[in-house]
C-alpha cells in the first residue's frame, strides 16, 4: 500500500508539474515583455523577502507532522485531532508574526529596489502580503492528506486552479496589461483551491475535529526543544537561497535582476518538480519510521541509502542538463539579449549539483 500510494503521488506530482512548468515559461516571458523589468524585479524581490519572513515558521509544521505520523500509525483519533488543532493554531501564530515582519520590511523596499517606482513596489508588496497570509491561515488541512499518503488529492485540486491561474495571467498579459489584476488572479485562485480542500477534508476525515489546545500542550510535545534544530536548518537555507535576488536588485538594478530571475525561474521549477518527487516518499518514510515491526526497522537503512543514491543521480543529471542546455534554451525562450555569461552558468550548475546531491 505504501509503494502504491507513493507511485500515485509521484505520478500526479510529476504530471501536473510538467504542464505547469510549461505554462510558467509562457507567463514569465509575458511578464517580462509586457510589464517590463521593473515589475518583474519587484515580483522577484518581494518573493525573496517573504522567504526570509517565513523563518518565523521555525519548522513548526515539520515538527508536528512527524509527530502526527506516529498517531496515524496507531490510529489514535483523539491525538490526531489534538495535533491538527495545534498545527492550525501554530500556523495562525506564524501568520500574525509574518504580518508584523511584513510591516517592518516595508520600510526597506526603497533601499532594496532603488530603480523601481515606490507605488509599483508597494503595490506588489501588498498583494504578496495578502497572498502569503491567506496561505498560512487556510493551508493547514493539507497536512492530513500528506501524512496519510493522499497528497495526490490536493495535487489534483491545485492543478486545476493553477492551470486556471496561468491561463488567466496569460489573458491579462495579452489583453488587459494591468499588473494589479495579473497578481490578483493568483490570490483568488489560491484561496478557492484551499476552500475546496477544506470542504473535502470534512468528508474524508470526519473523525478529525477541533479541540482546545494550550501552551502546555506544545511544551508537552517537546516542540520548543526540537524547533532549535529546525531553526538553524531553516535560517541557513533561507539566507543561502533567498539573498541573491535582493543583493542583485540593490547593486545591479532591475535589468540584471530580471536576467538572473530568468535563470532562477527555470531552476526553481526544476527544484519544485524534484521536491514533489521527494515529497512523494516522505509520508511513506515517516510511516516506516513509526512502524514498530522488526521487518520495518531492518528496512530503514536500505530506504535511506536508496534515497541518498537517488539524490546523487538526480543532482548529476540536473547539473549536466543545465550546463548543456541552459544557454540555447534561454536564447530560444527569451532571446539572445537575455543571456548571462557562460561562467555564471558553470558556477550555477555546480551549485545545483551540490544542493541536490545533499538533499
Protein backbone atom coordinates (compact mmCIF):
# COMPACT_ATOMS: atom_id res chain seq x y z
CA UNK A 1 0.00 0.00 0.00
CA UNK A 2 2.85 2.41 0.82
CA UNK A 3 4.56 1.74 -2.52
CA UNK A 4 1.31 2.09 -4.45
CA UNK A 5 0.41 5.42 -2.83
CA UNK A 6 3.96 6.68 -3.29
CA UNK A 7 3.77 5.94 -7.02
CA UNK A 8 0.34 7.58 -7.30
CA UNK A 9 1.56 10.70 -5.52
CA UNK A 10 4.64 10.81 -7.74
CA UNK A 11 2.65 10.39 -10.95
CA UNK A 12 0.27 13.20 -10.06
CA UNK A 13 3.09 15.47 -8.89
CA UNK A 14 5.29 14.94 -11.95
CA UNK A 15 2.46 15.10 -14.50
CA UNK A 16 0.94 18.29 -13.12
CA UNK A 17 4.32 19.95 -12.52
CA UNK A 18 5.49 19.42 -16.09
CA UNK A 19 2.41 21.10 -17.55
CA UNK A 20 2.56 23.92 -15.02
CA UNK A 21 6.26 24.37 -15.83
CA UNK A 22 5.40 24.95 -19.50
CA UNK A 23 2.66 27.40 -18.58
CA UNK A 24 5.08 29.11 -16.20
CA UNK A 25 7.53 29.68 -19.06
CA UNK A 26 4.80 31.41 -21.05
CA UNK A 27 3.67 33.62 -18.16
CA UNK A 28 7.28 34.56 -17.29
CA UNK A 29 8.03 35.68 -20.85
CA UNK A 30 4.80 37.70 -20.99
CA UNK A 31 5.56 39.27 -17.59
CA UNK A 32 9.00 40.45 -18.72
CA UNK A 33 7.99 41.62 -22.19
CA UNK A 34 4.55 43.10 -21.43
CA UNK A 35 5.16 44.63 -18.00
CA UNK A 36 8.89 45.42 -18.12
CA UNK A 37 11.88 44.71 -15.91
CA UNK A 38 10.69 46.91 -13.01
CA UNK A 39 7.53 44.87 -12.39
CA UNK A 40 9.48 41.65 -12.84
CA UNK A 41 12.14 42.80 -10.36
CA UNK A 42 9.53 43.90 -7.82
CA UNK A 43 7.87 40.50 -8.02
CA UNK A 44 11.17 38.62 -7.59
CA UNK A 45 12.45 40.74 -4.71
CA UNK A 46 9.19 40.67 -2.79
CA UNK A 47 9.00 36.89 -3.17
CA UNK A 48 12.51 36.52 -1.74
CA UNK A 49 11.72 38.91 1.12
CA UNK A 50 8.80 36.73 2.12
CA UNK A 51 11.07 33.72 2.00
CA UNK A 52 13.06 35.48 4.70
CA UNK A 53 9.92 36.23 6.68
CA UNK A 54 8.98 32.54 6.53
CA UNK A 55 11.79 31.92 9.03
CA UNK A 56 9.09 32.83 11.56
CA UNK A 57 7.58 29.41 10.86
CA UNK A 58 10.61 27.89 12.66
CA UNK A 59 9.85 24.47 11.13
CA UNK A 60 6.83 24.04 13.41
CA UNK A 61 4.95 22.27 10.61
CA UNK A 62 7.70 19.68 10.20
CA UNK A 63 7.89 19.00 13.93
CA UNK A 64 4.14 18.47 14.29
CA UNK A 65 3.81 16.45 11.08
CA UNK A 66 6.40 13.87 12.17
CA UNK A 67 4.61 13.54 15.49
CA UNK A 68 1.41 13.02 13.53
CA UNK A 69 2.81 10.03 11.60
CA UNK A 70 3.07 8.08 14.84
CA UNK A 71 -0.57 8.74 15.79
CA UNK A 72 -1.81 7.87 12.30
CA UNK A 73 0.06 4.56 12.52
CA UNK A 74 -1.56 3.96 15.94
CA UNK A 75 -4.98 5.13 14.61
CA UNK A 76 -5.37 7.38 17.65
CA UNK A 77 -8.17 9.73 16.55
CA UNK A 78 -8.00 11.79 19.73
CA UNK A 79 -4.30 12.57 19.36
CA UNK A 80 -4.69 13.19 15.63
CA UNK A 81 -7.38 15.81 16.34
CA UNK A 82 -5.21 17.38 19.00
CA UNK A 83 -2.14 17.62 16.78
CA UNK A 84 -4.17 19.02 13.89
CA UNK A 85 -5.59 21.70 16.21
CA UNK A 86 -2.09 22.52 17.41
CA UNK A 87 -0.94 22.75 13.80
CA UNK A 88 -3.78 25.15 12.98
CA UNK A 89 -3.10 27.47 15.93
CA UNK A 90 0.65 27.34 15.36
CA UNK A 91 0.19 28.48 11.76
CA UNK A 92 -2.16 31.25 12.83
CA UNK A 93 0.52 32.50 15.21
CA UNK A 94 3.07 32.28 12.38
CA UNK A 95 0.70 34.27 10.14
CA UNK A 96 0.50 37.04 12.72
CA UNK A 97 4.30 37.06 13.10
CA UNK A 98 4.78 37.29 9.32
CA UNK A 99 2.27 40.15 9.14
CA UNK A 100 4.34 42.02 11.75
CA UNK A 101 7.57 41.30 9.86
CA UNK A 102 5.93 42.48 6.63
CA UNK A 103 5.12 45.83 8.22
CA UNK A 104 8.74 46.22 9.29
CA UNK A 105 10.10 45.02 5.94
CA UNK A 106 8.05 47.57 4.01
CA UNK A 107 10.40 50.31 5.20
CA UNK A 108 13.34 48.66 3.39
CA UNK A 109 11.72 48.48 -0.06
CA UNK A 110 13.02 51.84 -1.39
CA UNK A 111 16.56 50.85 -0.38
CA UNK A 112 16.38 47.34 -1.84
CA UNK A 113 14.75 48.38 -5.14
CA UNK A 114 16.18 51.87 -5.86
CA UNK A 115 15.10 51.96 -9.53
CA UNK A 116 11.56 50.62 -9.03
CA UNK A 117 8.83 53.28 -8.52
CA UNK A 118 7.57 53.35 -4.92
CA UNK A 119 3.91 52.89 -5.88
CA UNK A 120 4.76 49.84 -8.00
CA UNK A 121 6.94 48.28 -5.32
CA UNK A 122 4.44 48.77 -2.52
CA UNK A 123 1.51 47.56 -4.62
CA UNK A 124 3.27 44.31 -5.50
CA UNK A 125 4.38 44.02 -1.88
CA UNK A 126 0.84 44.48 -0.55
CA UNK A 127 -0.57 41.86 -2.91
CA UNK A 128 2.13 39.43 -1.78
CA UNK A 129 1.24 40.09 1.88
CA UNK A 130 -2.37 39.11 1.17
CA UNK A 131 -1.33 36.01 -0.78
CA UNK A 132 1.10 34.81 1.91
CA UNK A 133 -1.26 35.34 4.83
CA UNK A 134 -4.09 33.57 3.03
CA UNK A 135 -1.83 30.55 2.66
CA UNK A 136 -0.91 30.41 6.35
CA UNK A 137 -4.50 30.73 7.54
CA UNK A 138 -6.05 28.28 5.05
CA UNK A 139 -3.40 25.66 4.26
CA UNK A 140 -3.42 23.58 7.48
CA UNK A 141 -5.89 20.90 6.39
CA UNK A 142 -3.47 19.68 3.73
CA UNK A 143 -1.29 18.09 6.41
CA UNK A 144 -3.58 15.10 6.91
CA UNK A 145 -3.54 14.31 3.21
CA UNK A 146 0.26 14.43 3.16
CA UNK A 147 0.71 12.26 6.25
CA UNK A 148 -1.80 9.63 5.05
CA UNK A 149 -0.12 9.47 1.60
CA UNK A 150 -3.14 11.02 -0.12
CA UNK A 151 -1.39 14.17 -1.23
CA UNK A 152 -2.43 13.43 -4.82
CA UNK A 153 -5.98 14.51 -3.91
CA UNK A 154 -4.68 18.00 -3.07
CA UNK A 155 -2.44 17.91 -6.15
CA UNK A 156 -5.46 17.33 -8.40
CA UNK A 157 -7.31 20.30 -6.94
CA UNK A 158 -4.22 22.52 -7.01
CA UNK A 159 -3.52 21.51 -10.60
CA UNK A 160 -6.95 22.67 -11.80
CA UNK A 161 -6.65 26.03 -10.07
CA UNK A 162 -3.01 26.51 -11.08
CA UNK A 163 -3.89 25.95 -14.73
CA UNK A 164 -6.74 28.43 -14.33
CA UNK A 165 -4.30 30.90 -12.74
CA UNK A 166 -1.80 30.56 -15.58
CA UNK A 167 -4.45 30.94 -18.27
CA UNK A 168 -5.88 33.99 -16.51
CA UNK A 169 -2.40 35.54 -16.25
CA UNK A 170 -1.80 34.92 -19.96
CA UNK A 171 -5.16 36.53 -20.80
CA UNK A 172 -4.42 39.56 -18.60
CA UNK A 173 -0.92 39.97 -20.09
CA UNK A 174 -2.21 39.88 -23.66
CA UNK A 175 -5.49 41.81 -23.44
CA UNK A 176 -5.58 43.68 -20.12
CA UNK A 177 -1.95 44.50 -19.27
CA UNK A 178 -2.61 45.51 -15.66
CA UNK A 179 -0.11 44.18 -13.15
CA UNK A 180 -2.51 44.52 -10.19
CA UNK A 181 -5.00 42.26 -11.94
CA UNK A 182 -2.15 39.96 -13.01
CA UNK A 183 -1.08 39.25 -9.42
CA UNK A 184 -4.63 39.31 -8.01
CA UNK A 185 -5.84 36.33 -10.03
CA UNK A 186 -3.26 34.14 -8.28
CA UNK A 187 -4.61 35.19 -4.86
CA UNK A 188 -8.21 34.44 -5.81
CA UNK A 189 -7.40 31.02 -7.28
CA UNK A 190 -5.20 30.09 -4.30
CA UNK A 191 -7.98 30.94 -1.83
CA UNK A 192 -10.53 28.99 -3.87
CA UNK A 193 -8.26 25.91 -4.01
CA UNK A 194 -7.83 25.92 -0.22
CA UNK A 195 -11.57 26.33 0.33
CA UNK A 196 -12.30 23.34 -1.92
CA UNK A 197 -9.75 21.24 0.00
CA UNK A 198 -11.29 22.39 3.32
CA UNK A 199 -14.72 21.24 2.17
CA UNK A 200 -13.39 17.87 1.06
CA UNK A 201 -11.45 17.48 4.31
CA UNK A 202 -14.65 17.29 6.35
CA UNK A 203 -15.81 14.37 4.22
CA UNK A 204 -12.51 12.46 4.06
CA UNK A 205 -11.57 12.83 7.75
CA UNK A 206 -14.83 13.08 9.74
CA UNK A 207 -13.08 11.86 12.91
CA UNK A 208 -10.78 14.91 12.97
CA UNK A 209 -12.31 17.81 14.87
CA UNK A 210 -11.15 20.97 16.56
CA UNK A 211 -10.12 20.61 20.20
CA UNK A 212 -8.89 23.12 22.74
CA UNK A 213 -5.12 23.35 22.99
CA UNK A 214 -2.90 25.32 25.36
CA UNK A 215 0.71 26.40 25.52
CA UNK A 216 1.33 23.48 27.87
CA UNK A 217 0.30 21.07 25.09
CA UNK A 218 3.07 22.47 22.90
CA UNK A 219 5.56 22.14 25.74
CA UNK A 220 4.49 18.55 26.45
CA UNK A 221 5.01 17.73 22.80
CA UNK A 222 8.62 18.91 23.09
CA UNK A 223 8.12 21.21 20.15
CA UNK A 224 10.20 24.08 21.56
CA UNK A 225 13.16 21.74 22.06
CA UNK A 226 13.01 20.43 18.50
CA UNK A 227 12.50 23.86 16.96
CA UNK A 228 16.06 24.86 17.87
CA UNK A 229 17.43 22.36 15.34
CA UNK A 230 14.88 23.18 12.65
CA UNK A 231 15.54 26.89 13.08
CA UNK A 232 19.26 26.52 12.28
CA UNK A 233 18.45 24.47 9.18
CA UNK A 234 15.73 26.84 8.02
CA UNK A 235 17.72 30.00 8.72
CA UNK A 236 20.79 28.80 6.81
CA UNK A 237 18.75 27.60 3.82
CA UNK A 238 16.79 30.84 3.64
CA UNK A 239 19.82 33.11 3.81
CA UNK A 240 21.70 30.96 1.29
CA UNK A 241 18.83 30.58 -1.15
CA UNK A 242 17.00 33.91 -0.96
CA UNK A 243 19.63 36.61 -0.68
CA UNK A 244 20.95 36.63 -4.27
CA UNK A 245 17.94 38.41 -5.80
CA UNK A 246 17.88 41.07 -3.06
CA UNK A 247 21.63 41.76 -3.41
CA UNK A 248 21.38 41.89 -7.22
CA UNK A 249 18.43 44.29 -7.08
CA UNK A 250 20.28 46.65 -4.75
CA UNK A 251 23.63 46.58 -6.55
CA UNK A 252 22.80 45.70 -10.16
CA UNK A 253 19.39 47.22 -10.81
CA UNK A 254 16.20 45.83 -12.33
CA UNK A 255 17.72 44.67 -15.65
CA UNK A 256 20.37 42.47 -14.00
CA UNK A 257 17.79 41.17 -11.52
CA UNK A 258 15.46 40.20 -14.35
CA UNK A 259 18.30 38.46 -16.21
CA UNK A 260 19.13 36.45 -13.09
CA UNK A 261 15.43 35.80 -12.49
CA UNK A 262 15.03 34.14 -15.88
CA UNK A 263 17.65 31.55 -14.94
CA UNK A 264 16.44 31.05 -11.39
CA UNK A 265 12.88 30.71 -12.68
CA UNK A 266 13.94 27.60 -14.59
CA UNK A 267 15.90 26.14 -11.68
CA UNK A 268 13.06 26.86 -9.24
CA UNK A 269 10.61 25.00 -11.46
CA UNK A 270 13.02 22.05 -11.70
CA UNK A 271 13.57 22.14 -7.93
CA UNK A 272 9.82 22.19 -7.28
CA UNK A 273 9.46 19.17 -9.55
CA UNK A 274 12.26 17.34 -7.74
CA UNK A 275 10.86 18.27 -4.34
CA UNK A 276 7.47 16.89 -5.27
CA UNK A 277 9.10 13.62 -6.29
CA UNK A 278 10.93 13.50 -2.96
CA UNK A 279 7.79 14.54 -1.05
CA UNK A 280 6.01 11.54 -2.56
CA UNK A 281 8.38 9.38 -0.49
CA UNK A 282 8.17 11.49 2.67
CA UNK A 283 4.95 10.09 4.09
CA UNK A 284 6.00 6.50 3.32
CA UNK A 285 9.31 7.05 5.11
CA UNK A 286 7.53 8.65 8.06
CA UNK A 287 5.23 5.65 8.31
CA UNK A 288 8.20 3.24 8.10
CA UNK A 289 9.97 5.09 10.93
CA UNK A 290 6.95 4.69 13.21
CA UNK A 291 6.23 1.12 12.16
CA UNK A 292 7.39 -0.92 15.16
CA UNK A 293 7.77 -4.23 13.38
CA UNK A 294 11.22 -5.83 13.09
CA UNK A 295 10.95 -6.02 9.30
CA UNK A 296 10.28 -2.28 9.06
CA UNK A 297 13.22 -1.44 11.33
CA UNK A 298 15.57 -3.53 9.21
CA UNK A 299 14.27 -1.72 6.14
CA UNK A 300 15.08 1.80 7.44
CA UNK A 301 18.75 1.87 6.39
CA UNK A 302 18.03 0.45 2.96
CA UNK A 303 15.43 3.15 2.29
CA UNK A 304 17.77 5.92 3.44
CA UNK A 305 20.69 4.84 1.24
CA UNK A 306 18.36 4.30 -1.68
CA UNK A 307 17.15 7.89 -1.38
CA UNK A 308 20.73 9.09 -1.00
CA UNK A 309 21.73 7.38 -4.25
CA UNK A 310 18.66 8.84 -5.97
CA UNK A 311 19.71 12.35 -4.89
CA UNK A 312 23.19 11.80 -6.34
CA UNK A 313 21.89 10.66 -9.73
CA UNK A 314 19.22 13.39 -9.84
CA UNK A 315 21.77 16.09 -8.93
CA UNK A 316 24.23 14.86 -11.56
CA UNK A 317 21.54 14.77 -14.23
CA UNK A 318 20.19 18.24 -13.41
CA UNK A 319 23.65 19.88 -13.31
CA UNK A 320 24.73 18.29 -16.61
CA UNK A 321 21.44 19.18 -18.31
CA UNK A 322 21.73 22.80 -17.16
CA UNK A 323 25.29 23.10 -18.46
CA UNK A 324 24.45 21.66 -21.89
CA UNK A 325 21.02 23.20 -22.45
CA UNK A 326 20.67 26.39 -20.41
CA UNK A 327 22.11 28.87 -22.94
CA UNK A 328 20.44 27.52 -26.10
CA UNK A 329 17.15 27.16 -24.26
CA UNK A 330 17.36 30.70 -22.83
CA UNK A 331 18.12 32.11 -26.27
CA UNK A 332 15.14 30.31 -27.80
CA UNK A 333 12.84 31.24 -24.90
CA UNK A 334 13.72 34.87 -24.11
CA UNK A 335 16.02 35.89 -26.98
CA UNK A 336 19.79 36.45 -27.37
CA UNK A 337 19.71 39.76 -25.44
CA UNK A 338 18.77 37.97 -22.20
CA UNK A 339 21.81 35.71 -21.80
CA UNK A 340 24.25 35.80 -18.89
CA UNK A 341 27.94 34.75 -19.35
CA UNK A 342 28.84 31.06 -19.60
CA UNK A 343 31.00 31.42 -16.50
CA UNK A 344 27.87 32.19 -14.50
CA UNK A 345 26.16 29.10 -15.93
CA UNK A 346 29.09 26.89 -14.88
CA UNK A 347 29.04 28.12 -11.27
CA UNK A 348 25.24 27.90 -11.25
CA UNK A 349 25.38 24.25 -12.37
CA UNK A 350 27.93 23.35 -9.68
CA UNK A 351 25.72 24.99 -7.05
CA UNK A 352 22.69 22.96 -8.21
CA UNK A 353 24.73 19.74 -8.14
CA UNK A 354 25.87 20.30 -4.55
CA UNK A 355 22.35 21.21 -3.47
CA UNK A 356 20.71 18.13 -4.95
CA UNK A 357 23.46 15.71 -4.01
CA UNK A 358 22.96 16.61 -0.34
CA UNK A 359 19.20 16.79 -0.39
